[in-house]
Amino acid sequence: MVRAGLNPERLTLAGAELADETGFDEVTLSALARRFEVKPASLYSHLRNSHELKTRIALFALEELADRVADAVAGRAGKDALTAFANAYRDYARAHPGRYEAARYRLDPETAAASAGVRHAQMTRAILRGYDLAGPDQTHAVRMLGSVFHGYAALEASGAFDHTDVATEQSWAWTLDSLDLALRSRSAS
């Protein structure tokens, strides 16, 4: 038996790995117990339930993704920052599909406010400062970017773009160029 060394952090990482392998919806305490060759009841001394496990995986994924985005955008501005930001999200979604899905897990307001999700919003707004957007336009732009990045990553992961001869990389570049153009056209100056 592999019982020694189980703790919430180790279980969270194993759950994140399981999410990447089987999908976030398939992550349960029972599935995790099978991975460690222990009875599900033995995990209850470390985690209350599957919801806590999923919340921990979501927080882990948000933190991991925020770190990657921060590294990608460091020292960049304008379209270069926008592109680095978008590529970091897309690359993460491709490399860690289960974790990426976990990052979209609905958190209660208090947990969300203390999560790296706040960093994601701050980084998005920092990039948008380069576009000099006024008031509510910045909020609209945050929502637009999140929708486009997530939508593209989700459609690409589902194979929705596989039916055409146009390379997804070309469409991605076209999308980022279009976002940059749209943001520049909304500039307050």
N, C-alpha and C. Protein backbone atom coordinates (compact mmCIF):
# COMPACT_ATOMS: atom_id res chain seq x y z
N MET A 1 0.83 -1.19 0.00
CA MET A 1 0.00 0.00 0.00
C MET A 1 0.87 1.25 0.00
N VAL A 2 0.37 2.30 -0.62
CA VAL A 2 1.11 3.54 -0.78
C VAL A 2 0.54 4.62 0.14
N ARG A 3 0.16 4.27 1.33
CA ARG A 3 -0.52 5.21 2.21
C ARG A 3 0.40 6.29 2.76
N ALA A 4 1.63 5.96 3.02
CA ALA A 4 2.55 6.91 3.65
C ALA A 4 2.67 8.17 2.81
N GLY A 5 2.67 9.28 3.49
CA GLY A 5 2.91 10.54 2.80
C GLY A 5 1.69 11.21 2.20
N LEU A 6 0.51 10.65 2.38
CA LEU A 6 -0.67 11.32 1.85
C LEU A 6 -0.96 12.56 2.67
N ASN A 7 -1.23 13.66 1.96
CA ASN A 7 -1.62 14.91 2.60
C ASN A 7 -2.44 15.70 1.58
N PRO A 8 -3.09 16.76 1.99
CA PRO A 8 -3.93 17.50 1.04
C PRO A 8 -3.17 18.00 -0.19
N GLU A 9 -1.93 18.43 -0.02
CA GLU A 9 -1.17 18.95 -1.16
C GLU A 9 -0.86 17.85 -2.16
N ARG A 10 -0.43 16.69 -1.67
CA ARG A 10 -0.11 15.57 -2.55
C ARG A 10 -1.38 15.08 -3.26
N LEU A 11 -2.48 15.04 -2.54
CA LEU A 11 -3.75 14.62 -3.14
C LEU A 11 -4.23 15.62 -4.18
N THR A 12 -4.00 16.89 -3.93
CA THR A 12 -4.38 17.93 -4.91
C THR A 12 -3.59 17.77 -6.20
N LEU A 13 -2.28 17.61 -6.08
CA LEU A 13 -1.45 17.43 -7.27
C LEU A 13 -1.84 16.16 -8.02
N ALA A 14 -2.07 15.08 -7.30
CA ALA A 14 -2.49 13.84 -7.95
C ALA A 14 -3.86 14.02 -8.62
N GLY A 15 -4.74 14.78 -7.98
CA GLY A 15 -6.04 15.08 -8.57
C GLY A 15 -5.90 15.91 -9.84
N ALA A 16 -4.97 16.85 -9.84
CA ALA A 16 -4.72 17.67 -11.04
C ALA A 16 -4.19 16.81 -12.17
N GLU A 17 -3.29 15.90 -11.85
CA GLU A 17 -2.76 14.98 -12.87
C GLU A 17 -3.87 14.07 -13.41
N LEU A 18 -4.72 13.59 -12.51
CA LEU A 18 -5.84 12.76 -12.90
C LEU A 18 -6.80 13.54 -13.82
N ALA A 19 -7.03 14.79 -13.49
CA ALA A 19 -7.90 15.64 -14.32
C ALA A 19 -7.34 15.75 -15.73
N ASP A 20 -6.03 15.92 -15.86
CA ASP A 20 -5.43 16.01 -17.19
C ASP A 20 -5.55 14.69 -17.96
N GLU A 21 -5.52 13.59 -17.24
CA GLU A 21 -5.59 12.27 -17.89
C GLU A 21 -7.01 11.87 -18.27
N THR A 22 -7.97 12.14 -17.38
CA THR A 22 -9.31 11.60 -17.58
C THR A 22 -10.40 12.66 -17.73
N GLY A 23 -10.08 13.90 -17.43
CA GLY A 23 -11.06 14.98 -17.45
C GLY A 23 -11.45 15.37 -16.04
N PHE A 24 -11.66 16.65 -15.84
CA PHE A 24 -11.94 17.18 -14.51
C PHE A 24 -13.22 16.59 -13.93
N ASP A 25 -14.22 16.34 -14.77
CA ASP A 25 -15.49 15.79 -14.27
C ASP A 25 -15.31 14.39 -13.67
N GLU A 26 -14.27 13.69 -14.08
CA GLU A 26 -14.03 12.32 -13.60
C GLU A 26 -13.26 12.27 -12.28
N VAL A 27 -12.82 13.41 -11.79
CA VAL A 27 -12.03 13.44 -10.56
C VAL A 27 -12.97 13.33 -9.36
N THR A 28 -12.79 12.25 -8.61
CA THR A 28 -13.55 12.00 -7.39
C THR A 28 -12.59 11.45 -6.34
N LEU A 29 -13.06 11.41 -5.12
CA LEU A 29 -12.24 10.80 -4.07
C LEU A 29 -12.04 9.32 -4.35
N SER A 30 -13.05 8.66 -4.89
CA SER A 30 -12.92 7.23 -5.21
C SER A 30 -11.86 7.00 -6.28
N ALA A 31 -11.87 7.82 -7.31
CA ALA A 31 -10.86 7.69 -8.37
C ALA A 31 -9.47 7.96 -7.82
N LEU A 32 -9.36 8.94 -6.96
CA LEU A 32 -8.08 9.28 -6.36
C LEU A 32 -7.60 8.15 -5.44
N ALA A 33 -8.51 7.56 -4.70
CA ALA A 33 -8.16 6.44 -3.82
C ALA A 33 -7.62 5.27 -4.64
N ARG A 34 -8.23 5.00 -5.79
CA ARG A 34 -7.74 3.92 -6.66
C ARG A 34 -6.31 4.21 -7.11
N ARG A 35 -6.04 5.46 -7.38
CA ARG A 35 -4.70 5.85 -7.84
C ARG A 35 -3.64 5.54 -6.77
N PHE A 36 -4.01 5.73 -5.51
CA PHE A 36 -3.07 5.49 -4.41
C PHE A 36 -3.23 4.09 -3.80
N GLU A 37 -4.14 3.31 -4.37
CA GLU A 37 -4.40 1.95 -3.88
C GLU A 37 -4.78 1.94 -2.40
N VAL A 38 -5.67 2.86 -2.06
CA VAL A 38 -6.21 2.93 -0.70
C VAL A 38 -7.73 2.95 -0.79
N LYS A 39 -8.36 2.74 0.34
CA LYS A 39 -9.82 2.82 0.39
C LYS A 39 -10.24 4.29 0.41
N PRO A 40 -11.33 4.62 -0.27
CA PRO A 40 -11.78 6.02 -0.29
C PRO A 40 -11.92 6.62 1.11
N ALA A 41 -12.35 5.83 2.06
CA ALA A 41 -12.54 6.35 3.42
C ALA A 41 -11.25 6.89 4.01
N SER A 42 -10.11 6.34 3.59
CA SER A 42 -8.82 6.80 4.15
C SER A 42 -8.48 8.22 3.70
N LEU A 43 -9.11 8.71 2.64
CA LEU A 43 -8.83 10.07 2.17
C LEU A 43 -9.60 11.12 2.95
N TYR A 44 -10.64 10.70 3.65
CA TYR A 44 -11.46 11.65 4.40
C TYR A 44 -10.74 12.28 5.57
N SER A 45 -9.61 11.74 5.95
CA SER A 45 -8.83 12.40 7.00
C SER A 45 -8.03 13.58 6.44
N HIS A 46 -7.98 13.66 5.10
CA HIS A 46 -7.23 14.74 4.43
C HIS A 46 -8.15 15.73 3.71
N LEU A 47 -9.28 15.22 3.21
CA LEU A 47 -10.23 16.04 2.44
C LEU A 47 -11.65 15.70 2.88
N ARG A 48 -12.51 16.71 2.97
CA ARG A 48 -13.89 16.49 3.42
C ARG A 48 -14.72 15.73 2.39
N ASN A 49 -14.54 16.08 1.10
CA ASN A 49 -15.37 15.49 0.05
C ASN A 49 -14.78 15.82 -1.32
N SER A 50 -15.44 15.36 -2.37
CA SER A 50 -14.96 15.63 -3.74
C SER A 50 -15.02 17.11 -4.08
N HIS A 51 -15.98 17.82 -3.52
CA HIS A 51 -16.06 19.27 -3.77
C HIS A 51 -14.80 19.96 -3.25
N GLU A 52 -14.34 19.60 -2.07
CA GLU A 52 -13.11 20.20 -1.56
C GLU A 52 -11.93 19.86 -2.45
N LEU A 53 -11.86 18.61 -2.90
CA LEU A 53 -10.79 18.21 -3.81
C LEU A 53 -10.83 19.05 -5.08
N LYS A 54 -11.99 19.18 -5.67
CA LYS A 54 -12.12 19.95 -6.91
C LYS A 54 -11.80 21.43 -6.68
N THR A 55 -12.20 21.96 -5.56
CA THR A 55 -11.88 23.35 -5.24
C THR A 55 -10.37 23.52 -5.12
N ARG A 56 -9.71 22.59 -4.45
CA ARG A 56 -8.25 22.66 -4.29
C ARG A 56 -7.56 22.56 -5.66
N ILE A 57 -8.05 21.69 -6.53
CA ILE A 57 -7.47 21.57 -7.87
C ILE A 57 -7.69 22.87 -8.65
N ALA A 58 -8.87 23.45 -8.53
CA ALA A 58 -9.16 24.72 -9.20
C ALA A 58 -8.21 25.82 -8.73
N LEU A 59 -8.00 25.92 -7.43
CA LEU A 59 -7.10 26.93 -6.89
C LEU A 59 -5.66 26.69 -7.35
N PHE A 60 -5.26 25.43 -7.37
CA PHE A 60 -3.93 25.06 -7.87
C PHE A 60 -3.77 25.47 -9.33
N ALA A 61 -4.76 25.15 -10.16
CA ALA A 61 -4.70 25.48 -11.58
C ALA A 61 -4.68 26.99 -11.81
N LEU A 62 -5.51 27.72 -11.08
CA LEU A 62 -5.51 29.18 -11.22
C LEU A 62 -4.15 29.77 -10.89
N GLU A 63 -3.54 29.28 -9.83
CA GLU A 63 -2.21 29.76 -9.42
C GLU A 63 -1.15 29.41 -10.46
N GLU A 64 -1.18 28.18 -10.91
CA GLU A 64 -0.20 27.72 -11.90
C GLU A 64 -0.34 28.52 -13.21
N LEU A 65 -1.56 28.71 -13.65
CA LEU A 65 -1.80 29.48 -14.87
C LEU A 65 -1.40 30.94 -14.70
N ALA A 66 -1.72 31.53 -13.57
CA ALA A 66 -1.35 32.93 -13.32
C ALA A 66 0.17 33.09 -13.35
N ASP A 67 0.89 32.14 -12.78
CA ASP A 67 2.36 32.20 -12.81
C ASP A 67 2.88 32.14 -14.23
N ARG A 68 2.31 31.28 -15.04
CA ARG A 68 2.75 31.17 -16.44
C ARG A 68 2.45 32.43 -17.24
N VAL A 69 1.28 32.98 -17.02
CA VAL A 69 0.91 34.21 -17.72
C VAL A 69 1.82 35.36 -17.28
N ALA A 70 2.06 35.47 -16.00
CA ALA A 70 2.93 36.54 -15.48
C ALA A 70 4.33 36.45 -16.09
N ASP A 71 4.86 35.24 -16.16
CA ASP A 71 6.18 35.05 -16.79
C ASP A 71 6.15 35.44 -18.26
N ALA A 72 5.06 35.09 -18.95
CA ALA A 72 4.95 35.35 -20.38
C ALA A 72 4.85 36.84 -20.70
N VAL A 73 4.14 37.59 -19.88
CA VAL A 73 3.90 39.01 -20.20
C VAL A 73 4.94 39.95 -19.60
N ALA A 74 5.80 39.44 -18.73
CA ALA A 74 6.80 40.30 -18.06
C ALA A 74 7.62 41.08 -19.09
N GLY A 75 7.64 42.40 -18.93
CA GLY A 75 8.42 43.27 -19.79
C GLY A 75 7.81 43.54 -21.16
N ARG A 76 6.59 43.13 -21.38
CA ARG A 76 5.94 43.33 -22.68
C ARG A 76 4.81 44.36 -22.55
N ALA A 77 4.45 44.94 -23.68
CA ALA A 77 3.36 45.91 -23.69
C ALA A 77 2.61 45.81 -25.02
N GLY A 78 1.41 46.40 -25.04
CA GLY A 78 0.63 46.46 -26.27
C GLY A 78 0.30 45.10 -26.84
N LYS A 79 0.36 45.01 -28.16
CA LYS A 79 0.01 43.77 -28.84
C LYS A 79 0.93 42.63 -28.43
N ASP A 80 2.19 42.93 -28.18
CA ASP A 80 3.14 41.90 -27.76
C ASP A 80 2.70 41.27 -26.43
N ALA A 81 2.24 42.10 -25.50
CA ALA A 81 1.74 41.59 -24.21
C ALA A 81 0.44 40.81 -24.41
N LEU A 82 -0.44 41.33 -25.23
CA LEU A 82 -1.70 40.65 -25.51
C LEU A 82 -1.45 39.26 -26.10
N THR A 83 -0.54 39.19 -27.05
CA THR A 83 -0.22 37.92 -27.69
C THR A 83 0.42 36.94 -26.71
N ALA A 84 1.35 37.42 -25.90
CA ALA A 84 1.99 36.55 -24.91
C ALA A 84 0.98 36.03 -23.90
N PHE A 85 0.10 36.90 -23.46
CA PHE A 85 -0.96 36.55 -22.53
C PHE A 85 -1.85 35.46 -23.13
N ALA A 86 -2.33 35.69 -24.34
CA ALA A 86 -3.22 34.75 -25.02
C ALA A 86 -2.53 33.41 -25.26
N ASN A 87 -1.28 33.44 -25.70
CA ASN A 87 -0.55 32.21 -25.96
C ASN A 87 -0.33 31.40 -24.68
N ALA A 88 -0.08 32.08 -23.57
CA ALA A 88 0.10 31.37 -22.31
C ALA A 88 -1.18 30.63 -21.93
N TYR A 89 -2.33 31.26 -22.09
CA TYR A 89 -3.61 30.60 -21.80
C TYR A 89 -3.81 29.40 -22.72
N ARG A 90 -3.63 29.62 -24.01
CA ARG A 90 -3.85 28.54 -24.97
C ARG A 90 -2.88 27.39 -24.75
N ASP A 91 -1.63 27.70 -24.52
CA ASP A 91 -0.63 26.65 -24.28
C ASP A 91 -0.97 25.85 -23.03
N TYR A 92 -1.43 26.53 -21.99
CA TYR A 92 -1.81 25.84 -20.76
C TYR A 92 -3.00 24.92 -21.01
N ALA A 93 -3.99 25.41 -21.75
CA ALA A 93 -5.17 24.60 -22.05
C ALA A 93 -4.79 23.36 -22.84
N ARG A 94 -3.83 23.49 -23.73
CA ARG A 94 -3.39 22.34 -24.53
C ARG A 94 -2.58 21.36 -23.69
N ALA A 95 -1.69 21.86 -22.85
CA ALA A 95 -0.81 21.00 -22.06
C ALA A 95 -1.53 20.36 -20.87
N HIS A 96 -2.49 21.07 -20.32
CA HIS A 96 -3.19 20.62 -19.10
C HIS A 96 -4.69 20.78 -19.26
N PRO A 97 -5.32 19.98 -20.10
CA PRO A 97 -6.76 20.18 -20.35
C PRO A 97 -7.63 20.04 -19.12
N GLY A 98 -7.31 19.11 -18.24
CA GLY A 98 -8.11 18.93 -17.02
C GLY A 98 -7.93 20.07 -16.04
N ARG A 99 -6.69 20.51 -15.90
CA ARG A 99 -6.42 21.64 -15.00
C ARG A 99 -7.06 22.91 -15.55
N TYR A 100 -6.97 23.08 -16.87
CA TYR A 100 -7.59 24.26 -17.49
C TYR A 100 -9.09 24.25 -17.21
N GLU A 101 -9.71 23.09 -17.35
CA GLU A 101 -11.13 22.97 -17.03
C GLU A 101 -11.38 23.29 -15.55
N ALA A 102 -10.49 22.82 -14.69
CA ALA A 102 -10.61 23.08 -13.26
C ALA A 102 -10.56 24.57 -12.95
N ALA A 103 -9.76 25.31 -13.70
CA ALA A 103 -9.64 26.75 -13.48
C ALA A 103 -10.98 27.47 -13.72
N ARG A 104 -11.91 26.80 -14.37
CA ARG A 104 -13.23 27.37 -14.63
C ARG A 104 -14.27 26.90 -13.60
N TYR A 105 -13.84 26.13 -12.62
CA TYR A 105 -14.75 25.59 -11.60
C TYR A 105 -15.33 26.74 -10.79
N ARG A 106 -16.61 26.70 -10.56
CA ARG A 106 -17.28 27.77 -9.82
C ARG A 106 -16.88 27.73 -8.34
N LEU A 107 -16.30 28.82 -7.89
CA LEU A 107 -15.87 28.95 -6.49
C LEU A 107 -16.83 29.87 -5.76
N ASP A 108 -16.97 29.66 -4.46
CA ASP A 108 -17.81 30.57 -3.69
C ASP A 108 -17.11 31.94 -3.67
N PRO A 109 -17.85 33.02 -3.47
CA PRO A 109 -17.28 34.36 -3.57
C PRO A 109 -16.05 34.60 -2.69
N GLU A 110 -16.06 34.09 -1.48
CA GLU A 110 -14.93 34.31 -0.58
C GLU A 110 -13.67 33.58 -1.08
N THR A 111 -13.84 32.34 -1.52
CA THR A 111 -12.71 31.57 -2.04
C THR A 111 -12.20 32.21 -3.33
N ALA A 112 -13.10 32.63 -4.19
CA ALA A 112 -12.70 33.27 -5.45
C ALA A 112 -11.92 34.55 -5.19
N ALA A 113 -12.37 35.33 -4.22
CA ALA A 113 -11.70 36.60 -3.91
C ALA A 113 -10.29 36.39 -3.37
N ALA A 114 -10.03 35.25 -2.76
CA ALA A 114 -8.71 34.95 -2.21
C ALA A 114 -7.86 34.12 -3.17
N SER A 115 -8.37 33.84 -4.36
CA SER A 115 -7.68 32.96 -5.30
C SER A 115 -6.81 33.76 -6.28
N ALA A 116 -6.06 33.03 -7.08
CA ALA A 116 -5.25 33.65 -8.13
C ALA A 116 -6.11 34.19 -9.26
N GLY A 117 -7.40 33.93 -9.22
CA GLY A 117 -8.30 34.53 -10.21
C GLY A 117 -8.21 36.04 -10.18
N VAL A 118 -7.96 36.59 -9.01
CA VAL A 118 -7.79 38.05 -8.87
C VAL A 118 -6.55 38.49 -9.66
N ARG A 119 -5.48 37.72 -9.60
CA ARG A 119 -4.27 38.04 -10.37
C ARG A 119 -4.56 38.02 -11.87
N HIS A 120 -5.39 37.07 -12.32
CA HIS A 120 -5.74 37.00 -13.74
C HIS A 120 -6.41 38.30 -14.18
N ALA A 121 -7.36 38.75 -13.38
CA ALA A 121 -8.06 39.99 -13.71
C ALA A 121 -7.11 41.18 -13.69
N GLN A 122 -6.22 41.21 -12.71
CA GLN A 122 -5.26 42.32 -12.62
C GLN A 122 -4.32 42.33 -13.82
N MET A 123 -3.85 41.15 -14.22
CA MET A 123 -2.95 41.09 -15.38
C MET A 123 -3.68 41.49 -16.66
N THR A 124 -4.92 41.08 -16.79
CA THR A 124 -5.69 41.47 -17.97
C THR A 124 -5.86 42.98 -18.01
N ARG A 125 -6.21 43.57 -16.89
CA ARG A 125 -6.37 45.02 -16.84
C ARG A 125 -5.04 45.74 -17.08
N ALA A 126 -3.94 45.17 -16.62
CA ALA A 126 -2.63 45.78 -16.86
C ALA A 126 -2.32 45.81 -18.36
N ILE A 127 -2.63 44.74 -19.05
CA ILE A 127 -2.41 44.71 -20.50
C ILE A 127 -3.30 45.75 -21.18
N LEU A 128 -4.52 45.85 -20.71
CA LEU A 128 -5.47 46.78 -21.33
C LEU A 128 -5.12 48.24 -21.09
N ARG A 129 -4.32 48.53 -20.06
CA ARG A 129 -3.89 49.92 -19.84
C ARG A 129 -3.12 50.43 -21.06
N GLY A 130 -2.44 49.55 -21.74
CA GLY A 130 -1.72 49.94 -22.95
C GLY A 130 -2.64 50.36 -24.08
N TYR A 131 -3.91 50.03 -23.97
CA TYR A 131 -4.88 50.41 -25.00
C TYR A 131 -5.70 51.63 -24.59
N ASP A 132 -5.44 52.16 -23.41
CA ASP A 132 -6.08 53.39 -22.95
C ASP A 132 -7.60 53.34 -23.09
N LEU A 133 -8.19 52.31 -22.49
CA LEU A 133 -9.64 52.17 -22.53
C LEU A 133 -10.26 52.89 -21.35
N ALA A 134 -11.35 53.57 -21.60
CA ALA A 134 -12.03 54.33 -20.55
C ALA A 134 -13.04 53.46 -19.81
N GLY A 135 -13.21 53.75 -18.53
CA GLY A 135 -14.24 53.20 -17.65
C GLY A 135 -14.75 51.81 -17.97
N PRO A 136 -16.04 51.72 -18.29
CA PRO A 136 -16.67 50.43 -18.52
C PRO A 136 -16.08 49.66 -19.71
N ASP A 137 -15.47 50.38 -20.65
CA ASP A 137 -14.87 49.70 -21.81
C ASP A 137 -13.81 48.70 -21.36
N GLN A 138 -13.12 49.01 -20.29
CA GLN A 138 -12.09 48.09 -19.80
C GLN A 138 -12.74 46.79 -19.30
N THR A 139 -13.85 46.91 -18.60
CA THR A 139 -14.56 45.71 -18.13
C THR A 139 -15.08 44.91 -19.31
N HIS A 140 -15.63 45.59 -20.31
CA HIS A 140 -16.10 44.89 -21.51
C HIS A 140 -14.93 44.15 -22.18
N ALA A 141 -13.79 44.80 -22.23
CA ALA A 141 -12.61 44.20 -22.88
C ALA A 141 -12.11 42.98 -22.11
N VAL A 142 -12.12 43.05 -20.78
CA VAL A 142 -11.71 41.90 -19.96
C VAL A 142 -12.61 40.71 -20.29
N ARG A 143 -13.90 40.96 -20.35
CA ARG A 143 -14.86 39.90 -20.65
C ARG A 143 -14.68 39.38 -22.08
N MET A 144 -14.44 40.27 -23.01
CA MET A 144 -14.25 39.86 -24.39
C MET A 144 -13.01 38.97 -24.53
N LEU A 145 -11.90 39.40 -23.94
CA LEU A 145 -10.67 38.62 -24.05
C LEU A 145 -10.85 37.24 -23.42
N GLY A 146 -11.42 37.21 -22.22
CA GLY A 146 -11.64 35.92 -21.56
C GLY A 146 -12.52 35.00 -22.40
N SER A 147 -13.56 35.58 -22.98
CA SER A 147 -14.48 34.79 -23.81
C SER A 147 -13.79 34.25 -25.05
N VAL A 148 -13.03 35.09 -25.70
CA VAL A 148 -12.35 34.66 -26.93
C VAL A 148 -11.28 33.62 -26.62
N PHE A 149 -10.45 33.88 -25.64
CA PHE A 149 -9.38 32.93 -25.31
C PHE A 149 -9.97 31.58 -24.90
N HIS A 150 -10.95 31.62 -24.01
CA HIS A 150 -11.54 30.37 -23.55
C HIS A 150 -12.31 29.68 -24.68
N GLY A 151 -13.06 30.44 -25.41
CA GLY A 151 -13.84 29.85 -26.51
C GLY A 151 -12.95 29.19 -27.55
N TYR A 152 -11.87 29.86 -27.92
CA TYR A 152 -10.96 29.28 -28.91
C TYR A 152 -10.33 28.01 -28.38
N ALA A 153 -9.84 28.07 -27.14
CA ALA A 153 -9.19 26.89 -26.53
C ALA A 153 -10.17 25.73 -26.42
N ALA A 154 -11.40 26.01 -26.02
CA ALA A 154 -12.40 24.94 -25.86
C ALA A 154 -12.78 24.33 -27.21
N LEU A 155 -12.99 25.17 -28.21
CA LEU A 155 -13.34 24.66 -29.53
C LEU A 155 -12.19 23.86 -30.14
N GLU A 156 -10.99 24.37 -29.97
CA GLU A 156 -9.82 23.67 -30.49
C GLU A 156 -9.67 22.30 -29.81
N ALA A 157 -9.83 22.25 -28.49
CA ALA A 157 -9.70 21.00 -27.74
C ALA A 157 -10.76 19.98 -28.14
N SER A 158 -11.93 20.45 -28.51
CA SER A 158 -13.02 19.54 -28.87
C SER A 158 -12.91 19.04 -30.31
N GLY A 159 -11.94 19.56 -31.06
CA GLY A 159 -11.78 19.14 -32.45
C GLY A 159 -12.66 19.90 -33.42
N ALA A 160 -13.28 20.97 -32.97
CA ALA A 160 -14.21 21.73 -33.81
C ALA A 160 -13.55 22.37 -35.02
N PHE A 161 -12.23 22.54 -34.98
CA PHE A 161 -11.54 23.18 -36.10
C PHE A 161 -10.89 22.17 -37.05
N ASP A 162 -11.06 20.90 -36.79
CA ASP A 162 -10.39 19.86 -37.56
C ASP A 162 -10.96 19.65 -38.96
N HIS A 163 -12.09 20.22 -39.27
CA HIS A 163 -12.78 19.97 -40.53
C HIS A 163 -12.33 20.86 -41.69
N THR A 164 -11.37 21.73 -41.47
CA THR A 164 -10.96 22.66 -42.52
C THR A 164 -9.45 22.58 -42.76
N ASP A 165 -9.04 22.99 -43.95
CA ASP A 165 -7.63 22.96 -44.30
C ASP A 165 -6.85 24.16 -43.74
N VAL A 166 -7.55 25.17 -43.25
CA VAL A 166 -6.87 26.34 -42.70
C VAL A 166 -6.29 25.97 -41.33
N ALA A 167 -4.99 26.20 -41.17
CA ALA A 167 -4.32 25.83 -39.93
C ALA A 167 -4.85 26.65 -38.75
N THR A 168 -4.99 25.99 -37.61
CA THR A 168 -5.48 26.70 -36.42
C THR A 168 -4.52 27.81 -36.02
N GLU A 169 -3.24 27.64 -36.28
CA GLU A 169 -2.26 28.69 -35.95
C GLU A 169 -2.55 29.96 -36.75
N GLN A 170 -2.95 29.81 -38.00
CA GLN A 170 -3.29 30.98 -38.82
C GLN A 170 -4.53 31.68 -38.27
N SER A 171 -5.52 30.89 -37.90
CA SER A 171 -6.74 31.48 -37.34
C SER A 171 -6.46 32.15 -36.01
N TRP A 172 -5.59 31.55 -35.20
CA TRP A 172 -5.23 32.13 -33.90
C TRP A 172 -4.55 33.48 -34.12
N ALA A 173 -3.59 33.54 -35.03
CA ALA A 173 -2.89 34.80 -35.30
C ALA A 173 -3.89 35.85 -35.82
N TRP A 174 -4.79 35.44 -36.69
CA TRP A 174 -5.80 36.35 -37.23
C TRP A 174 -6.69 36.87 -36.09
N THR A 175 -7.07 35.99 -35.18
CA THR A 175 -7.91 36.37 -34.04
C THR A 175 -7.20 37.40 -33.16
N LEU A 176 -5.92 37.15 -32.86
CA LEU A 176 -5.18 38.08 -32.01
C LEU A 176 -4.99 39.43 -32.71
N ASP A 177 -4.72 39.40 -34.01
CA ASP A 177 -4.62 40.66 -34.77
C ASP A 177 -5.93 41.43 -34.70
N SER A 178 -7.04 40.71 -34.83
CA SER A 178 -8.36 41.34 -34.80
C SER A 178 -8.68 41.91 -33.43
N LEU A 179 -8.30 41.18 -32.38
CA LEU A 179 -8.51 41.71 -31.02
C LEU A 179 -7.71 42.98 -30.79
N ASP A 180 -6.46 42.96 -31.22
CA ASP A 180 -5.62 44.15 -31.08
C ASP A 180 -6.24 45.33 -31.83
N LEU A 181 -6.69 45.10 -33.05
CA LEU A 181 -7.32 46.16 -33.83
C LEU A 181 -8.58 46.68 -33.15
N ALA A 182 -9.39 45.77 -32.64
CA ALA A 182 -10.62 46.18 -31.97
C ALA A 182 -10.32 47.00 -30.72
N LEU A 183 -9.33 46.57 -29.95
CA LEU A 183 -8.97 47.30 -28.72
C LEU A 183 -8.40 48.67 -29.05
N ARG A 184 -7.55 48.75 -30.07
CA ARG A 184 -6.99 50.05 -30.46
C ARG A 184 -8.08 50.99 -30.96
N SER A 185 -9.10 50.45 -31.63
CA SER A 185 -10.19 51.30 -32.16
C SER A 185 -11.06 51.86 -31.04
N ARG A 186 -11.02 51.24 -29.87
CA ARG A 186 -11.81 51.70 -28.72
C ARG A 186 -11.02 52.61 -27.79
N SER A 187 -9.80 52.90 -28.13
CA SER A 187 -8.93 53.72 -27.29
C SER A 187 -9.58 55.05 -26.96
N ALA A 188 -9.41 55.49 -25.71
CA ALA A 188 -10.02 56.75 -25.24
C ALA A 188 -9.32 57.97 -25.83
N SER A 189 -8.09 57.79 -26.27
CA SER A 189 -7.37 58.98 -26.77
C SER A 189 -7.61 59.27 -28.23
